[in-house]
Amino acid sequence: MATVILRLPVVKARTGLSRSTIYLRVSEGTFPQPVSLGGRAVGWIESEIQQWLEHRIETSRKTTR
């Protein structure tokens, strides 16, 4: 399976988070680290973003019950 790299606009759309919130959570260690693509370009591994989303959903469902 090929690794898919997501750029920031796609990560924002999938998570519903703003740019500043994404980078804040990265610095806090609560969001996946971006991968350097060279120069000033970064991206996120799609499977890590999906796992993060699944964990957030699972956590949210547990706290509401």
PDB file of N, CA and C in Angstrom:
ATOM      1  N   MET A   1       0.843  -1.184   0.000  1.00  0.00           N
ATOM      2  CA  MET A   1       0.000   0.000   0.000  1.00  0.00           C
ATOM      3  C   MET A   1       0.888   1.246   0.000  1.00  0.00           C
ATOM      4  N   ALA A   2       0.563   2.174  -0.840  1.00  0.00           N
ATOM      5  CA  ALA A   2       1.343   3.398  -0.956  1.00  0.00           C
ATOM      6  C   ALA A   2       0.995   4.358   0.180  1.00  0.00           C
ATOM      7  N   THR A   3       2.000   5.074   0.631  1.00  0.00           N
ATOM      8  CA  THR A   3       1.792   6.093   1.658  1.00  0.00           C
ATOM      9  C   THR A   3       1.291   7.357   0.970  1.00  0.00           C
ATOM     10  N   VAL A   4       0.197   7.900   1.492  1.00  0.00           N
ATOM     11  CA  VAL A   4      -0.374   9.125   0.931  1.00  0.00           C
ATOM     12  C   VAL A   4      -0.056  10.276   1.882  1.00  0.00           C
ATOM     13  N   ILE A   5       0.472  11.343   1.317  1.00  0.00           N
ATOM     14  CA  ILE A   5       0.796  12.546   2.088  1.00  0.00           C
ATOM     15  C   ILE A   5      -0.279  13.593   1.823  1.00  0.00           C
ATOM     16  N   LEU A   6      -0.831  14.127   2.897  1.00  0.00           N
ATOM     17  CA  LEU A   6      -1.850  15.159   2.800  1.00  0.00           C
ATOM     18  C   LEU A   6      -1.238  16.520   3.105  1.00  0.00           C
ATOM     19  N   ARG A   7      -1.552  17.488   2.291  1.00  0.00           N
ATOM     20  CA  ARG A   7      -1.094  18.847   2.551  1.00  0.00           C
ATOM     21  C   ARG A   7      -2.084  19.537   3.485  1.00  0.00           C
ATOM     22  N   LEU A   8      -1.693  20.675   4.030  1.00  0.00           N
ATOM     23  CA  LEU A   8      -2.458  21.368   5.058  1.00  0.00           C
ATOM     24  C   LEU A   8      -3.929  21.621   4.698  1.00  0.00           C
ATOM     25  N   PRO A   9      -4.257  22.105   3.505  1.00  0.00           N
ATOM     26  CA  PRO A   9      -5.687  22.347   3.222  1.00  0.00           C
ATOM     27  C   PRO A   9      -6.553  21.088   3.359  1.00  0.00           C
ATOM     28  N   VAL A  10      -6.015  19.946   2.980  1.00  0.00           N
ATOM     29  CA  VAL A  10      -6.766  18.694   3.090  1.00  0.00           C
ATOM     30  C   VAL A  10      -6.880  18.275   4.558  1.00  0.00           C
ATOM     31  N   VAL A  11      -5.797  18.443   5.322  1.00  0.00           N
ATOM     32  CA  VAL A  11      -5.827  18.111   6.753  1.00  0.00           C
ATOM     33  C   VAL A  11      -6.847  18.999   7.460  1.00  0.00           C
ATOM     34  N   LYS A  12      -6.874  20.274   7.133  1.00  0.00           N
ATOM     35  CA  LYS A  12      -7.856  21.187   7.725  1.00  0.00           C
ATOM     36  C   LYS A  12      -9.275  20.744   7.384  1.00  0.00           C
ATOM     37  N   ALA A  13      -9.510  20.372   6.146  1.00  0.00           N
ATOM     38  CA  ALA A  13     -10.853  19.954   5.719  1.00  0.00           C
ATOM     39  C   ALA A  13     -11.277  18.661   6.411  1.00  0.00           C
ATOM     40  N   ARG A  14     -10.364  17.718   6.545  1.00  0.00           N
ATOM     41  CA  ARG A  14     -10.708  16.429   7.157  1.00  0.00           C
ATOM     42  C   ARG A  14     -10.921  16.522   8.656  1.00  0.00           C
ATOM     43  N   THR A  15     -10.166  17.385   9.320  1.00  0.00           N
ATOM     44  CA  THR A  15     -10.253  17.461  10.784  1.00  0.00           C
ATOM     45  C   THR A  15     -11.201  18.545  11.267  1.00  0.00           C
ATOM     46  N   GLY A  16     -11.435  19.556  10.451  1.00  0.00           N
ATOM     47  CA  GLY A  16     -12.246  20.685  10.882  1.00  0.00           C
ATOM     48  C   GLY A  16     -11.481  21.657  11.760  1.00  0.00           C
ATOM     49  N   LEU A  17     -10.167  21.486  11.846  1.00  0.00           N
ATOM     50  CA  LEU A  17      -9.327  22.347  12.678  1.00  0.00           C
ATOM     51  C   LEU A  17      -8.708  23.454  11.836  1.00  0.00           C
ATOM     52  N   SER A  18      -8.397  24.559  12.473  1.00  0.00           N
ATOM     53  CA  SER A  18      -7.708  25.654  11.791  1.00  0.00           C
ATOM     54  C   SER A  18      -6.209  25.366  11.750  1.00  0.00           C
ATOM     55  N   ARG A  19      -5.516  26.127  10.918  1.00  0.00           N
ATOM     56  CA  ARG A  19      -4.064  25.992  10.801  1.00  0.00           C
ATOM     57  C   ARG A  19      -3.387  26.182  12.154  1.00  0.00           C
ATOM     58  N   SER A  20      -3.782  27.231  12.861  1.00  0.00           N
ATOM     59  CA  SER A  20      -3.131  27.525  14.147  1.00  0.00           C
ATOM     60  C   SER A  20      -3.404  26.422  15.173  1.00  0.00           C
ATOM     61  N   THR A  21      -4.599  25.854  15.175  1.00  0.00           N
ATOM     62  CA  THR A  21      -4.918  24.781  16.111  1.00  0.00           C
ATOM     63  C   THR A  21      -4.127  23.521  15.782  1.00  0.00           C
ATOM     64  N   ILE A  22      -3.980  23.226  14.507  1.00  0.00           N
ATOM     65  CA  ILE A  22      -3.195  22.057  14.100  1.00  0.00           C
ATOM     66  C   ILE A  22      -1.761  22.194  14.606  1.00  0.00           C
ATOM     67  N   TYR A  23      -1.137  23.342  14.347  1.00  0.00           N
ATOM     68  CA  TYR A  23       0.246  23.523  14.769  1.00  0.00           C
ATOM     69  C   TYR A  23       0.382  23.604  16.295  1.00  0.00           C
ATOM     70  N   LEU A  24      -0.609  24.145  16.978  1.00  0.00           N
ATOM     71  CA  LEU A  24      -0.596  24.161  18.441  1.00  0.00           C
ATOM     72  C   LEU A  24      -0.618  22.731  18.969  1.00  0.00           C
ATOM     73  N   ARG A  25      -1.510  21.913  18.430  1.00  0.00           N
ATOM     74  CA  ARG A  25      -1.610  20.522  18.883  1.00  0.00           C
ATOM     75  C   ARG A  25      -0.373  19.711  18.512  1.00  0.00           C
ATOM     76  N   VAL A  26       0.244  20.009  17.384  1.00  0.00           N
ATOM     77  CA  VAL A  26       1.509  19.352  17.026  1.00  0.00           C
ATOM     78  C   VAL A  26       2.554  19.678  18.084  1.00  0.00           C
ATOM     79  N   SER A  27       2.648  20.954  18.477  1.00  0.00           N
ATOM     80  CA  SER A  27       3.646  21.361  19.473  1.00  0.00           C
ATOM     81  C   SER A  27       3.349  20.770  20.847  1.00  0.00           C
ATOM     82  N   GLU A  28       2.074  20.520  21.142  1.00  0.00           N
ATOM     83  CA  GLU A  28       1.691  19.900  22.405  1.00  0.00           C
ATOM     84  C   GLU A  28       1.871  18.380  22.379  1.00  0.00           C
ATOM     85  N   GLY A  29       2.066  17.837  21.192  1.00  0.00           N
ATOM     86  CA  GLY A  29       2.219  16.387  21.049  1.00  0.00           C
ATOM     87  C   GLY A  29       0.900  15.642  20.983  1.00  0.00           C
ATOM     88  N   THR A  30      -0.203  16.368  20.709  1.00  0.00           N
ATOM     89  CA  THR A  30      -1.510  15.729  20.657  1.00  0.00           C
ATOM     90  C   THR A  30      -2.052  15.587  19.240  1.00  0.00           C
ATOM     91  N   PHE A  31      -1.218  15.862  18.252  1.00  0.00           N
ATOM     92  CA  PHE A  31      -1.602  15.738  16.840  1.00  0.00           C
ATOM     93  C   PHE A  31      -0.390  15.198  16.095  1.00  0.00           C
ATOM     94  N   PRO A  32      -0.602  14.395  15.053  1.00  0.00           N
ATOM     95  CA  PRO A  32       0.540  13.828  14.324  1.00  0.00           C
ATOM     96  C   PRO A  32       1.519  14.885  13.812  1.00  0.00           C
ATOM     97  N   GLN A  33       2.786  14.541  13.880  1.00  0.00           N
ATOM     98  CA  GLN A  33       3.845  15.425  13.389  1.00  0.00           C
ATOM     99  C   GLN A  33       3.827  15.477  11.864  1.00  0.00           C
ATOM    100  N   PRO A  34       4.054  16.645  11.286  1.00  0.00           N
ATOM    101  CA  PRO A  34       4.157  16.716   9.830  1.00  0.00           C
ATOM    102  C   PRO A  34       5.484  16.120   9.356  1.00  0.00           C
ATOM    103  N   VAL A  35       5.510  15.768   8.093  1.00  0.00           N
ATOM    104  CA  VAL A  35       6.699  15.230   7.437  1.00  0.00           C
ATOM    105  C   VAL A  35       7.251  16.317   6.522  1.00  0.00           C
ATOM    106  N   SER A  36       8.545  16.575   6.608  1.00  0.00           N
ATOM    107  CA  SER A  36       9.161  17.568   5.731  1.00  0.00           C
ATOM    108  C   SER A  36       9.206  17.027   4.308  1.00  0.00           C
ATOM    109  N   LEU A  37       8.740  17.845   3.372  1.00  0.00           N
ATOM    110  CA  LEU A  37       8.761  17.465   1.962  1.00  0.00           C
ATOM    111  C   LEU A  37       9.843  18.234   1.210  1.00  0.00           C
ATOM    112  N   GLY A  38      10.636  18.988   1.944  1.00  0.00           N
ATOM    113  CA  GLY A  38      11.704  19.775   1.341  1.00  0.00           C
ATOM    114  C   GLY A  38      11.345  21.248   1.331  1.00  0.00           C
ATOM    115  N   GLY A  39      12.350  22.069   1.472  1.00  0.00           N
ATOM    116  CA  GLY A  39      12.093  23.507   1.517  1.00  0.00           C
ATOM    117  C   GLY A  39      11.181  23.844   2.674  1.00  0.00           C
ATOM    118  N   ARG A  40      10.126  24.572   2.386  1.00  0.00           N
ATOM    119  CA  ARG A  40       9.166  24.946   3.428  1.00  0.00           C
ATOM    120  C   ARG A  40       7.885  24.124   3.345  1.00  0.00           C
ATOM    121  N   ALA A  41       7.904  23.055   2.566  1.00  0.00           N
ATOM    122  CA  ALA A  41       6.706  22.235   2.376  1.00  0.00           C
ATOM    123  C   ALA A  41       6.658  21.092   3.385  1.00  0.00           C
ATOM    124  N   VAL A  42       5.485  20.911   3.977  1.00  0.00           N
ATOM    125  CA  VAL A  42       5.256  19.784   4.877  1.00  0.00           C
ATOM    126  C   VAL A  42       3.939  19.125   4.512  1.00  0.00           C
ATOM    127  N   GLY A  43       3.784  17.913   4.982  1.00  0.00           N
ATOM    128  CA  GLY A  43       2.540  17.189   4.780  1.00  0.00           C
ATOM    129  C   GLY A  43       2.365  16.206   5.923  1.00  0.00           C
ATOM    130  N   TRP A  44       1.203  15.599   6.002  1.00  0.00           N
ATOM    131  CA  TRP A  44       0.893  14.632   7.045  1.00  0.00           C
ATOM    132  C   TRP A  44       0.562  13.300   6.402  1.00  0.00           C
ATOM    133  N   ILE A  45       0.945  12.223   7.075  1.00  0.00           N
ATOM    134  CA  ILE A  45       0.662  10.890   6.570  1.00  0.00           C
ATOM    135  C   ILE A  45      -0.830  10.613   6.780  1.00  0.00           C
ATOM    136  N   GLU A  46      -1.497  10.252   5.697  1.00  0.00           N
ATOM    137  CA  GLU A  46      -2.951  10.075   5.731  1.00  0.00           C
ATOM    138  C   GLU A  46      -3.392   9.079   6.805  1.00  0.00           C
ATOM    139  N   SER A  47      -2.690   7.967   6.922  1.00  0.00           N
ATOM    140  CA  SER A  47      -3.096   6.948   7.899  1.00  0.00           C
ATOM    141  C   SER A  47      -2.982   7.469   9.330  1.00  0.00           C
ATOM    142  N   GLU A  48      -2.008   8.331   9.616  1.00  0.00           N
ATOM    143  CA  GLU A  48      -1.871   8.907  10.958  1.00  0.00           C
ATOM    144  C   GLU A  48      -3.009   9.876  11.258  1.00  0.00           C
ATOM    145  N   ILE A  49      -3.427  10.639  10.257  1.00  0.00           N
ATOM    146  CA  ILE A  49      -4.549  11.558  10.436  1.00  0.00           C
ATOM    147  C   ILE A  49      -5.829  10.748  10.662  1.00  0.00           C
ATOM    148  N   GLN A  50      -6.005   9.673   9.910  1.00  0.00           N
ATOM    149  CA  GLN A  50      -7.183   8.826  10.069  1.00  0.00           C
ATOM    150  C   GLN A  50      -7.218   8.184  11.455  1.00  0.00           C
ATOM    151  N   GLN A  51      -6.072   7.719  11.927  1.00  0.00           N
ATOM    152  CA  GLN A  51      -6.002   7.133  13.275  1.00  0.00           C
ATOM    153  C   GLN A  51      -6.325   8.179  14.335  1.00  0.00           C
ATOM    154  N   TRP A  52      -5.825   9.381  14.166  1.00  0.00           N
ATOM    155  CA  TRP A  52      -6.094  10.463  15.114  1.00  0.00           C
ATOM    156  C   TRP A  52      -7.595  10.752  15.156  1.00  0.00           C
ATOM    157  N   LEU A  53      -8.230  10.822  13.969  1.00  0.00           N
ATOM    158  CA  LEU A  53      -9.662  11.076  13.903  1.00  0.00           C
ATOM    159  C   LEU A  53     -10.454   9.955  14.584  1.00  0.00           C
ATOM    160  N   GLU A  54     -10.086   8.719  14.317  1.00  0.00           N
ATOM    161  CA  GLU A  54     -10.774   7.583  14.927  1.00  0.00           C
ATOM    162  C   GLU A  54     -10.645   7.612  16.451  1.00  0.00           C
ATOM    163  N   HIS A  55      -9.464   7.970  16.932  1.00  0.00           N
ATOM    164  CA  HIS A  55      -9.254   8.074  18.381  1.00  0.00           C
ATOM    165  C   HIS A  55     -10.121   9.182  18.980  1.00  0.00           C
ATOM    166  N   ARG A  56     -10.195  10.327  18.299  1.00  0.00           N
ATOM    167  CA  ARG A  56     -11.017  11.439  18.783  1.00  0.00           C
ATOM    168  C   ARG A  56     -12.485  11.037  18.837  1.00  0.00           C
ATOM    169  N   ILE A  57     -12.959  10.319  17.823  1.00  0.00           N
ATOM    170  CA  ILE A  57     -14.354   9.867  17.796  1.00  0.00           C
ATOM    171  C   ILE A  57     -14.599   8.895  18.940  1.00  0.00           C
ATOM    172  N   GLU A  58     -13.694   7.939  19.101  1.00  0.00           N
ATOM    173  CA  GLU A  58     -13.824   6.949  20.166  1.00  0.00           C
ATOM    174  C   GLU A  58     -13.848   7.620  21.537  1.00  0.00           C
ATOM    175  N   THR A  59     -12.937   8.542  21.768  1.00  0.00           N
ATOM    176  CA  THR A  59     -12.866   9.267  23.034  1.00  0.00           C
ATOM    177  C   THR A  59     -14.133  10.080  23.268  1.00  0.00           C
ATOM    178  N   SER A  60     -14.606  10.725  22.249  1.00  0.00           N
ATOM    179  CA  SER A  60     -15.814  11.533  22.352  1.00  0.00           C
ATOM    180  C   SER A  60     -17.024  10.675  22.710  1.00  0.00           C
ATOM    181  N   ARG A  61     -17.127   9.510  22.104  1.00  0.00           N
ATOM    182  CA  ARG A  61     -18.268   8.617  22.358  1.00  0.00           C
ATOM    183  C   ARG A  61     -18.231   8.079  23.781  1.00  0.00           C
ATOM    184  N   LYS A  62     -17.056   7.806  24.302  1.00  0.00           N
ATOM    185  CA  LYS A  62     -16.917   7.279  25.665  1.00  0.00           C
ATOM    186  C   LYS A  62     -17.324   8.308  26.708  1.00  0.00           C
ATOM    187  N   THR A  63     -16.977   9.566  26.477  1.00  0.00           N
ATOM    188  CA  THR A  63     -17.249  10.608  27.474  1.00  0.00           C
ATOM    189  C   THR A  63     -18.705  11.050  27.476  1.00  0.00           C
ATOM    190  N   THR A  64     -19.431  10.801  26.396  1.00  0.00           N
ATOM    191  CA  THR A  64     -20.823  11.233  26.328  1.00  0.00           C
ATOM    192  C   THR A  64     -21.784  10.177  26.855  1.00  0.00           C
ATOM    193  N   ARG A  65     -21.305   8.979  27.126  1.00  0.00           N
ATOM    194  CA  ARG A  65     -22.180   7.905  27.619  1.00  0.00           C
ATOM    195  C   ARG A  65     -22.234   7.848  29.091  1.00  0.00           C
TER     196      ARG A  65
END
